[in-house]
Amino acid sequence: MTAFVGIDVGGTSVRVLAETPDGRGELVTAPVAGSYDAFLDQVAGLCAGVARPAGVGIGLPGTSGESGPLFVPALPWLEGRPLREDLETRLGAPVRLGLDGHLTLLAEAAEGAAKGAGSAVLLAVGTGIGGALLVDGRIWRGVHGSAGSWGWLPADAPDDRVHGPFEQAASGSALRDGPALVAAAREGDERARDALDAYAARLARGVAAVASTIDPEIILIGGGLADAMDVLGPPLQRHVARFASPDGGRVPVRPAALGSRAGVVGALLIARTEEW
């Protein structure tokens, strides 16, 4: 039986999801390989373990050109390698590459919190800040394939060619003891709520800039912070309204709906399309 296969590659793990005419299979997760040749072997093995691929979509934590990755700080051994051609040779099927944030928003627009929206923005906030932009129902990838790199918005932070200023100021890594703070805030701890409010104000400056300049129908918060939006969402929306333009302050800010599956679902979606 043939299948379309979506592969979401992160800095530490790989997620694989296959879809046959009978439906989607179980999500498979494995530690990511540590070298280019080992990665080729890993992808070939994972695909062989689910079905004979008719098409493969791969989401990467960085930008890619026509044939391969160009800038992948988490996996630098991928940079400059002809990944698409090498995998097509091994798999005997077409391979399409995409930026993980783009594929996450693609999935949210098809099946998640942005379904039915003509325009949307995703801020994926985890150890870094990435994201994507949906315009007229399509992902806007940009001329270099890196549109939605919100981590590079201006902020008061040191110069760094790998981590952008807004990413340094407002990523999940900038929220010390984040899981403990979130848990305490849910229990009504005022100090924890104050700490989250201060963090929400930092994050809101970037969200407000995006809301004011793009004016989308909805802004989604994805990544690790999506699960904290029950306590982070209200102060974040309040500070966005404070910093944004009058219209930007009206843009709803909501958690992404598909969680950690969004990237691999998006990879599966580009595996079965000819227009990506």
C-alpha atoms as a PDB file:
ATOM      1  CA  MET A   1       0.000   0.000   0.000  1.00  0.00           C
ATOM      2  CA  THR A   2       1.276   3.512  -0.813  1.00  0.00           C
ATOM      3  CA  ALA A   3       1.070   6.482   1.518  1.00  0.00           C
ATOM      4  CA  PHE A   4       1.857  10.142   1.771  1.00  0.00           C
ATOM      5  CA  VAL A   5       4.331  10.773   4.569  1.00  0.00           C
ATOM      6  CA  GLY A   6       4.856  13.891   6.663  1.00  0.00           C
ATOM      7  CA  ILE A   7       8.088  14.320   8.616  1.00  0.00           C
ATOM      8  CA  ASP A   8       8.619  17.068  11.191  1.00  0.00           C
ATOM      9  CA  VAL A   9      12.308  17.493  12.042  1.00  0.00           C
ATOM     10  CA  GLY A  10      13.249  19.292  15.251  1.00  0.00           C
ATOM     11  CA  GLY A  11      16.514  19.931  16.979  1.00  0.00           C
ATOM     12  CA  THR A  12      16.195  16.780  19.084  1.00  0.00           C
ATOM     13  CA  SER A  13      13.426  14.635  17.586  1.00  0.00           C
ATOM     14  CA  VAL A  14      11.727  13.560  14.372  1.00  0.00           C
ATOM     15  CA  ARG A  15       7.957  13.016  14.067  1.00  0.00           C
ATOM     16  CA  VAL A  16       6.495  10.944  11.240  1.00  0.00           C
ATOM     17  CA  LEU A  17       2.849  10.662  10.163  1.00  0.00           C
ATOM     18  CA  ALA A  18       1.626   8.580   7.216  1.00  0.00           C
ATOM     19  CA  GLU A  19      -1.698   8.741   5.417  1.00  0.00           C
ATOM     20  CA  THR A  20      -3.045   5.889   3.290  1.00  0.00           C
ATOM     21  CA  PRO A  21      -6.416   5.655   1.542  1.00  0.00           C
ATOM     22  CA  ASP A  22      -7.661   4.101   4.795  1.00  0.00           C
ATOM     23  CA  GLY A  23      -6.730   7.154   6.873  1.00  0.00           C
ATOM     24  CA  ARG A  24      -3.881   8.423   9.007  1.00  0.00           C
ATOM     25  CA  GLY A  25      -1.671   6.125  10.997  1.00  0.00           C
ATOM     26  CA  GLU A  26      -0.137   6.537  14.427  1.00  0.00           C
ATOM     27  CA  LEU A  27       2.377   9.291  15.043  1.00  0.00           C
ATOM     28  CA  VAL A  28       5.932   7.903  15.256  1.00  0.00           C
ATOM     29  CA  THR A  29       8.617   9.803  17.157  1.00  0.00           C
ATOM     30  CA  ALA A  30      12.365   9.149  17.270  1.00  0.00           C
ATOM     31  CA  PRO A  31      15.529  11.034  18.317  1.00  0.00           C
ATOM     32  CA  VAL A  32      16.941  12.951  15.371  1.00  0.00           C
ATOM     33  CA  ALA A  33      20.109  11.557  13.782  1.00  0.00           C
ATOM     34  CA  GLY A  34      23.409  13.299  14.404  1.00  0.00           C
ATOM     35  CA  SER A  35      24.908  13.523  10.907  1.00  0.00           C
ATOM     36  CA  TYR A  36      23.791  13.971   7.319  1.00  0.00           C
ATOM     37  CA  ASP A  37      24.322  10.390   6.160  1.00  0.00           C
ATOM     38  CA  ALA A  38      22.730   9.043   9.319  1.00  0.00           C
ATOM     39  CA  PHE A  39      19.760  11.328   8.741  1.00  0.00           C
ATOM     40  CA  LEU A  40      19.267  10.017   5.198  1.00  0.00           C
ATOM     41  CA  ASP A  41      19.316   6.490   6.588  1.00  0.00           C
ATOM     42  CA  GLN A  42      16.906   7.469   9.336  1.00  0.00           C
ATOM     43  CA  VAL A  43      14.324   9.027   6.995  1.00  0.00           C
ATOM     44  CA  ALA A  44      14.532   6.051   4.617  1.00  0.00           C
ATOM     45  CA  GLY A  45      14.046   3.660   7.526  1.00  0.00           C
ATOM     46  CA  LEU A  46      11.129   5.593   8.995  1.00  0.00           C
ATOM     47  CA  CYS A  47       9.368   5.729   5.625  1.00  0.00           C
ATOM     48  CA  ALA A  48       9.954   2.021   5.039  1.00  0.00           C
ATOM     49  CA  GLY A  49       8.449   1.331   8.432  1.00  0.00           C
ATOM     50  CA  VAL A  50       5.089   2.904   7.580  1.00  0.00           C
ATOM     51  CA  ALA A  51       4.415   2.323   3.866  1.00  0.00           C
ATOM     52  CA  ARG A  52       5.776   2.820   0.355  1.00  0.00           C
ATOM     53  CA  PRO A  53       5.753   6.613  -0.017  1.00  0.00           C
ATOM     54  CA  ALA A  54       3.915   8.303  -2.865  1.00  0.00           C
ATOM     55  CA  GLY A  55       5.138  11.700  -1.659  1.00  0.00           C
ATOM     56  CA  VAL A  56       7.075  13.008   1.327  1.00  0.00           C
ATOM     57  CA  GLY A  57       6.882  16.401   3.017  1.00  0.00           C
ATOM     58  CA  ILE A  58       9.601  17.461   5.428  1.00  0.00           C
ATOM     59  CA  GLY A  59       9.439  20.369   7.857  1.00  0.00           C
ATOM     60  CA  LEU A  60      12.805  21.738   8.995  1.00  0.00           C
ATOM     61  CA  PRO A  61      13.737  24.197  11.763  1.00  0.00           C
ATOM     62  CA  GLY A  62      15.255  26.592   9.233  1.00  0.00           C
ATOM     63  CA  THR A  63      15.061  27.818   5.654  1.00  0.00           C
ATOM     64  CA  SER A  64      15.563  25.774   2.495  1.00  0.00           C
ATOM     65  CA  GLY A  65      16.215  26.516  -1.150  1.00  0.00           C
ATOM     66  CA  GLU A  66      15.011  24.563  -4.154  1.00  0.00           C
ATOM     67  CA  SER A  67      17.102  21.510  -3.383  1.00  0.00           C
ATOM     68  CA  GLY A  68      18.132  21.661   0.235  1.00  0.00           C
ATOM     69  CA  PRO A  69      18.496  23.444   3.584  1.00  0.00           C
ATOM     70  CA  LEU A  70      20.311  26.769   3.724  1.00  0.00           C
ATOM     71  CA  PHE A  71      20.129  27.910   7.357  1.00  0.00           C
ATOM     72  CA  VAL A  72      19.372  25.369  10.083  1.00  0.00           C
ATOM     73  CA  PRO A  73      21.138  26.475  13.306  1.00  0.00           C
ATOM     74  CA  ALA A  74      19.832  23.488  15.274  1.00  0.00           C
ATOM     75  CA  LEU A  75      21.198  20.984  12.712  1.00  0.00           C
ATOM     76  CA  PRO A  76      24.066  22.751  10.920  1.00  0.00           C
ATOM     77  CA  TRP A  77      25.222  19.542   9.205  1.00  0.00           C
ATOM     78  CA  LEU A  78      22.136  19.836   6.970  1.00  0.00           C
ATOM     79  CA  GLU A  79      23.116  23.224   5.590  1.00  0.00           C
ATOM     80  CA  GLY A  80      24.121  23.293   1.937  1.00  0.00           C
ATOM     81  CA  ARG A  81      23.401  19.609   1.362  1.00  0.00           C
ATOM     82  CA  PRO A  82      21.211  18.400  -1.574  1.00  0.00           C
ATOM     83  CA  LEU A  83      18.664  16.884   0.780  1.00  0.00           C
ATOM     84  CA  ARG A  84      15.712  16.803  -1.594  1.00  0.00           C
ATOM     85  CA  GLU A  85      17.572  15.025  -4.405  1.00  0.00           C
ATOM     86  CA  ASP A  86      19.306  12.594  -2.071  1.00  0.00           C
ATOM     87  CA  LEU A  87      16.039  11.590  -0.424  1.00  0.00           C
ATOM     88  CA  GLU A  88      14.177  11.315  -3.723  1.00  0.00           C
ATOM     89  CA  THR A  89      16.866   8.928  -4.921  1.00  0.00           C
ATOM     90  CA  ARG A  90      16.548   6.799  -1.800  1.00  0.00           C
ATOM     91  CA  LEU A  91      12.770   6.888  -1.511  1.00  0.00           C
ATOM     92  CA  GLY A  92      11.749   6.823  -5.148  1.00  0.00           C
ATOM     93  CA  ALA A  93       9.131   9.488  -4.456  1.00  0.00           C
ATOM     94  CA  PRO A  94       8.860  13.288  -4.708  1.00  0.00           C
ATOM     95  CA  VAL A  95      10.105  15.175  -1.649  1.00  0.00           C
ATOM     96  CA  ARG A  96       9.060  18.692  -0.649  1.00  0.00           C
ATOM     97  CA  LEU A  97      10.802  20.788   1.986  1.00  0.00           C
ATOM     98  CA  GLY A  98       9.313  23.510   4.159  1.00  0.00           C
ATOM     99  CA  LEU A  99      10.022  25.726   7.140  1.00  0.00           C
ATOM    100  CA  ASP A 100       8.450  24.179  10.224  1.00  0.00           C
ATOM    101  CA  GLY A 101       6.609  27.365  11.200  1.00  0.00           C
ATOM    102  CA  HIS A 102       5.072  27.624   7.744  1.00  0.00           C
ATOM    103  CA  LEU A 103       3.862  24.043   7.923  1.00  0.00           C
ATOM    104  CA  THR A 104       2.438  24.580  11.398  1.00  0.00           C
ATOM    105  CA  LEU A 105       0.294  27.484  10.205  1.00  0.00           C
ATOM    106  CA  LEU A 106      -0.658  25.531   7.077  1.00  0.00           C
ATOM    107  CA  ALA A 107      -2.033  22.800   9.332  1.00  0.00           C
ATOM    108  CA  GLU A 108      -3.803  25.274  11.615  1.00  0.00           C
ATOM    109  CA  ALA A 109      -5.437  26.905   8.577  1.00  0.00           C
ATOM    110  CA  ALA A 110      -6.567  23.536   7.231  1.00  0.00           C
ATOM    111  CA  GLU A 111      -7.621  21.782  10.428  1.00  0.00           C
ATOM    112  CA  GLY A 112      -7.022  23.994  13.465  1.00  0.00           C
ATOM    113  CA  ALA A 113      -7.581  27.405  15.027  1.00  0.00           C
ATOM    114  CA  ALA A 114      -7.179  29.373  11.761  1.00  0.00           C
ATOM    115  CA  LYS A 115      -9.581  27.198   9.746  1.00  0.00           C
ATOM    116  CA  GLY A 116     -11.710  29.403   7.530  1.00  0.00           C
ATOM    117  CA  ALA A 117      -9.485  32.463   7.957  1.00  0.00           C
ATOM    118  CA  GLY A 118      -8.183  34.248   4.895  1.00  0.00           C
ATOM    119  CA  SER A 119      -5.360  35.855   6.865  1.00  0.00           C
ATOM    120  CA  ALA A 120      -3.557  34.755  10.000  1.00  0.00           C
ATOM    121  CA  VAL A 121      -0.239  35.039  11.802  1.00  0.00           C
ATOM    122  CA  LEU A 122       1.479  32.361  13.851  1.00  0.00           C
ATOM    123  CA  LEU A 123       4.052  33.178  16.509  1.00  0.00           C
ATOM    124  CA  ALA A 124       5.663  29.912  17.543  1.00  0.00           C
ATOM    125  CA  VAL A 125       7.100  30.674  20.977  1.00  0.00           C
ATOM    126  CA  GLY A 126       9.325  28.027  22.505  1.00  0.00           C
ATOM    127  CA  THR A 127      13.065  27.982  23.055  1.00  0.00           C
ATOM    128  CA  GLY A 128      13.081  30.487  20.172  1.00  0.00           C
ATOM    129  CA  ILE A 129      10.487  32.484  18.253  1.00  0.00           C
ATOM    130  CA  GLY A 130       9.509  31.605  14.702  1.00  0.00           C
ATOM    131  CA  GLY A 131       6.244  31.612  12.858  1.00  0.00           C
ATOM    132  CA  ALA A 132       4.403  32.209   9.638  1.00  0.00           C
ATOM    133  CA  LEU A 133       1.999  34.433   7.745  1.00  0.00           C
ATOM    134  CA  LEU A 134      -1.180  33.412   5.900  1.00  0.00           C
ATOM    135  CA  VAL A 135      -2.363  35.796   3.150  1.00  0.00           C
ATOM    136  CA  ASP A 136      -5.484  35.163   1.073  1.00  0.00           C
ATOM    137  CA  GLY A 137      -5.600  31.612   2.342  1.00  0.00           C
ATOM    138  CA  ARG A 138      -1.992  30.769   1.350  1.00  0.00           C
ATOM    139  CA  ILE A 139       1.248  30.682   3.287  1.00  0.00           C
ATOM    140  CA  TRP A 140       3.422  33.632   2.344  1.00  0.00           C
ATOM    141  CA  ARG A 141       6.913  32.126   2.280  1.00  0.00           C
ATOM    142  CA  GLY A 142       8.890  35.194   1.193  1.00  0.00           C
ATOM    143  CA  VAL A 143      11.536  35.478  -1.487  1.00  0.00           C
ATOM    144  CA  HIS A 144      14.125  33.618   0.646  1.00  0.00           C
ATOM    145  CA  GLY A 145      11.655  31.224   2.268  1.00  0.00           C
ATOM    146  CA  SER A 146      11.902  32.771   5.725  1.00  0.00           C
ATOM    147  CA  ALA A 147       8.805  34.984   6.036  1.00  0.00           C
ATOM    148  CA  GLY A 148       7.468  34.924   9.576  1.00  0.00           C
ATOM    149  CA  SER A 149      10.833  35.011  11.348  1.00  0.00           C
ATOM    150  CA  TRP A 150       9.335  37.149  14.084  1.00  0.00           C
ATOM    151  CA  GLY A 151      12.276  36.444  16.394  1.00  0.00           C
ATOM    152  CA  TRP A 152      14.186  39.073  14.425  1.00  0.00           C
ATOM    153  CA  LEU A 153      11.833  41.908  15.310  1.00  0.00           C
ATOM    154  CA  PRO A 154      13.700  44.780  17.013  1.00  0.00           C
ATOM    155  CA  ALA A 155      14.133  44.578  20.766  1.00  0.00           C
ATOM    156  CA  ASP A 156      16.658  45.588  23.401  1.00  0.00           C
ATOM    157  CA  ALA A 157      19.055  42.639  23.134  1.00  0.00           C
ATOM    158  CA  PRO A 158      22.698  41.956  22.184  1.00  0.00           C
ATOM    159  CA  ASP A 159      23.695  41.491  18.550  1.00  0.00           C
ATOM    160  CA  ASP A 160      23.553  37.817  17.616  1.00  0.00           C
ATOM    161  CA  ARG A 161      23.589  36.294  14.124  1.00  0.00           C
ATOM    162  CA  VAL A 162      21.767  33.143  15.237  1.00  0.00           C
ATOM    163  CA  HIS A 163      19.178  34.395  17.757  1.00  0.00           C
ATOM    164  CA  GLY A 164      17.219  37.527  16.870  1.00  0.00           C
ATOM    165  CA  PRO A 165      16.632  40.362  19.352  1.00  0.00           C
ATOM    166  CA  PHE A 166      12.930  39.716  19.975  1.00  0.00           C
ATOM    167  CA  GLU A 167      13.673  36.021  20.404  1.00  0.00           C
ATOM    168  CA  GLN A 168      16.233  36.842  23.081  1.00  0.00           C
ATOM    169  CA  ALA A 169      13.821  39.162  24.875  1.00  0.00           C
ATOM    170  CA  ALA A 170      10.597  37.195  24.714  1.00  0.00           C
ATOM    171  CA  SER A 171      11.094  33.521  23.836  1.00  0.00           C
ATOM    172  CA  GLY A 172      10.110  30.794  26.231  1.00  0.00           C
ATOM    173  CA  SER A 173      13.772  30.603  27.226  1.00  0.00           C
ATOM    174  CA  ALA A 174      13.502  34.192  28.471  1.00  0.00           C
ATOM    175  CA  LEU A 175      10.745  33.139  30.900  1.00  0.00           C
ATOM    176  CA  ARG A 176      12.639  31.684  33.833  1.00  0.00           C
ATOM    177  CA  ASP A 177      11.036  28.714  35.561  1.00  0.00           C
ATOM    178  CA  GLY A 178       8.209  28.968  33.029  1.00  0.00           C
ATOM    179  CA  PRO A 179       6.384  25.678  33.797  1.00  0.00           C
ATOM    180  CA  ALA A 180       6.522  26.328  37.541  1.00  0.00           C
ATOM    181  CA  LEU A 181       5.283  29.900  37.103  1.00  0.00           C
ATOM    182  CA  VAL A 182       2.398  28.761  34.929  1.00  0.00           C
ATOM    183  CA  ALA A 183       1.425  26.071  37.429  1.00  0.00           C
ATOM    184  CA  ALA A 184       1.584  28.538  40.323  1.00  0.00           C
ATOM    185  CA  ALA A 185      -0.436  31.138  38.404  1.00  0.00           C
ATOM    186  CA  ARG A 186      -3.156  28.552  37.813  1.00  0.00           C
ATOM    187  CA  GLU A 187      -3.304  28.071  41.588  1.00  0.00           C
ATOM    188  CA  GLY A 188      -3.801  31.805  42.098  1.00  0.00           C
ATOM    189  CA  ASP A 189      -0.260  32.711  43.196  1.00  0.00           C
ATOM    190  CA  GLU A 190      -0.047  36.506  42.819  1.00  0.00           C
ATOM    191  CA  ARG A 191       3.747  36.615  42.452  1.00  0.00           C
ATOM    192  CA  ALA A 192       3.572  34.086  39.641  1.00  0.00           C
ATOM    193  CA  ARG A 193       0.810  36.059  37.959  1.00  0.00           C
ATOM    194  CA  ASP A 194       2.879  39.238  38.240  1.00  0.00           C
ATOM    195  CA  ALA A 195       5.879  37.488  36.683  1.00  0.00           C
ATOM    196  CA  LEU A 196       3.729  36.219  33.811  1.00  0.00           C
ATOM    197  CA  ASP A 197       2.259  39.686  33.367  1.00  0.00           C
ATOM    198  CA  ALA A 198       5.750  41.170  33.037  1.00  0.00           C
ATOM    199  CA  TYR A 199       6.680  38.516  30.495  1.00  0.00           C
ATOM    200  CA  ALA A 200       3.393  39.031  28.625  1.00  0.00           C
ATOM    201  CA  ALA A 201       4.257  42.724  28.303  1.00  0.00           C
ATOM    202  CA  ARG A 202       7.577  41.847  26.617  1.00  0.00           C
ATOM    203  CA  LEU A 203       5.955  39.353  24.280  1.00  0.00           C
ATOM    204  CA  ALA A 204       3.085  41.734  23.536  1.00  0.00           C
ATOM    205  CA  ARG A 205       5.375  44.352  22.017  1.00  0.00           C
ATOM    206  CA  GLY A 206       6.227  42.019  19.164  1.00  0.00           C
ATOM    207  CA  VAL A 207       2.689  40.701  18.837  1.00  0.00           C
ATOM    208  CA  ALA A 208       1.396  44.282  18.746  1.00  0.00           C
ATOM    209  CA  ALA A 209       3.885  45.224  16.027  1.00  0.00           C
ATOM    210  CA  VAL A 210       2.717  42.302  13.889  1.00  0.00           C
ATOM    211  CA  ALA A 211      -0.963  43.000  14.578  1.00  0.00           C
ATOM    212  CA  SER A 212      -0.570  46.683  13.708  1.00  0.00           C
ATOM    213  CA  THR A 213       1.450  46.263  10.517  1.00  0.00           C
ATOM    214  CA  ILE A 214      -0.320  43.227   9.058  1.00  0.00           C
ATOM    215  CA  ASP A 215      -3.838  43.514  10.548  1.00  0.00           C
ATOM    216  CA  PRO A 216      -4.688  39.792  10.205  1.00  0.00           C
ATOM    217  CA  GLU A 217      -7.954  38.150  11.156  1.00  0.00           C
ATOM    218  CA  ILE A 218      -6.295  36.217  13.974  1.00  0.00           C
ATOM    219  CA  ILE A 219      -2.908  35.762  15.648  1.00  0.00           C
ATOM    220  CA  LEU A 220      -2.056  32.307  16.952  1.00  0.00           C
ATOM    221  CA  ILE A 221       0.452  31.553  19.682  1.00  0.00           C
ATOM    222  CA  GLY A 222       2.043  28.173  19.064  1.00  0.00           C
ATOM    223  CA  GLY A 223       5.045  26.347  20.426  1.00  0.00           C
ATOM    224  CA  GLY A 224       5.448  25.538  24.086  1.00  0.00           C
ATOM    225  CA  LEU A 225       3.532  28.608  25.255  1.00  0.00           C
ATOM    226  CA  ALA A 226       0.323  27.547  23.530  1.00  0.00           C
ATOM    227  CA  ASP A 227      -0.464  25.309  26.508  1.00  0.00           C
ATOM    228  CA  ALA A 228      -0.098  28.275  28.885  1.00  0.00           C
ATOM    229  CA  MET A 229      -2.555  30.578  27.127  1.00  0.00           C
ATOM    230  CA  ASP A 230      -5.249  29.953  29.741  1.00  0.00           C
ATOM    231  CA  VAL A 231      -3.216  32.097  32.163  1.00  0.00           C
ATOM    232  CA  LEU A 232      -0.962  33.984  29.725  1.00  0.00           C
ATOM    233  CA  GLY A 233      -3.650  34.862  27.190  1.00  0.00           C
ATOM    234  CA  PRO A 234      -5.600  37.503  29.150  1.00  0.00           C
ATOM    235  CA  PRO A 235      -2.586  39.647  30.128  1.00  0.00           C
ATOM    236  CA  LEU A 236      -1.094  39.175  26.654  1.00  0.00           C
ATOM    237  CA  GLN A 237      -4.269  40.407  24.933  1.00  0.00           C
ATOM    238  CA  ARG A 238      -4.450  43.342  27.363  1.00  0.00           C
ATOM    239  CA  HIS A 239      -0.870  44.411  26.655  1.00  0.00           C
ATOM    240  CA  VAL A 240      -1.308  43.950  22.901  1.00  0.00           C
ATOM    241  CA  ALA A 241      -4.242  46.371  23.045  1.00  0.00           C
ATOM    242  CA  ARG A 242      -2.003  48.745  25.000  1.00  0.00           C
ATOM    243  CA  PHE A 243       0.892  48.702  22.522  1.00  0.00           C
ATOM    244  CA  ALA A 244      -0.876  48.168  19.200  1.00  0.00           C
ATOM    245  CA  SER A 245      -2.613  50.534  16.828  1.00  0.00           C
ATOM    246  CA  PRO A 246      -6.370  50.963  17.402  1.00  0.00           C
ATOM    247  CA  ASP A 247      -7.116  48.307  14.773  1.00  0.00           C
ATOM    248  CA  GLY A 248      -4.176  46.091  15.762  1.00  0.00           C
ATOM    249  CA  GLY A 249      -5.462  45.999  19.314  1.00  0.00           C
ATOM    250  CA  ARG A 250      -8.698  44.440  18.075  1.00  0.00           C
ATOM    251  CA  VAL A 251      -6.979  41.416  16.503  1.00  0.00           C
ATOM    252  CA  PRO A 252      -7.768  38.334  18.616  1.00  0.00           C
ATOM    253  CA  VAL A 253      -4.782  36.421  20.005  1.00  0.00           C
ATOM    254  CA  ARG A 254      -5.542  32.733  20.481  1.00  0.00           C
ATOM    255  CA  PRO A 255      -3.645  29.487  21.197  1.00  0.00           C
ATOM    256  CA  ALA A 256      -2.855  27.207  18.284  1.00  0.00           C
ATOM    257  CA  ALA A 257      -5.151  24.188  18.364  1.00  0.00           C
ATOM    258  CA  LEU A 258      -3.123  21.248  17.049  1.00  0.00           C
ATOM    259  CA  GLY A 259      -0.303  21.313  19.580  1.00  0.00           C
ATOM    260  CA  SER A 260       2.887  19.423  18.809  1.00  0.00           C
ATOM    261  CA  ARG A 261       1.189  17.546  15.933  1.00  0.00           C
ATOM    262  CA  ALA A 262       0.762  20.678  13.817  1.00  0.00           C
ATOM    263  CA  GLY A 263       4.186  20.561  12.182  1.00  0.00           C
ATOM    264  CA  VAL A 264       3.908  16.955  11.070  1.00  0.00           C
ATOM    265  CA  VAL A 265       0.333  17.479   9.852  1.00  0.00           C
ATOM    266  CA  GLY A 266       1.560  20.408   7.775  1.00  0.00           C
ATOM    267  CA  ALA A 267       4.366  18.261   6.373  1.00  0.00           C
ATOM    268  CA  LEU A 268       1.796  15.655   5.412  1.00  0.00           C
ATOM    269  CA  LEU A 269      -0.275  18.316   3.654  1.00  0.00           C
ATOM    270  CA  ILE A 270       2.600  19.413   1.399  1.00  0.00           C
ATOM    271  CA  ALA A 271       3.447  15.776   0.681  1.00  0.00           C
ATOM    272  CA  ARG A 272       0.115  15.349  -1.082  1.00  0.00           C
ATOM    273  CA  THR A 273      -0.008  18.641  -3.010  1.00  0.00           C
ATOM    274  CA  GLU A 274       1.726  19.760  -6.191  1.00  0.00           C
ATOM    275  CA  GLU A 275       1.403  23.479  -5.467  1.00  0.00           C
ATOM    276  CA  TRP A 276       3.687  23.958  -2.465  1.00  0.00           C
END
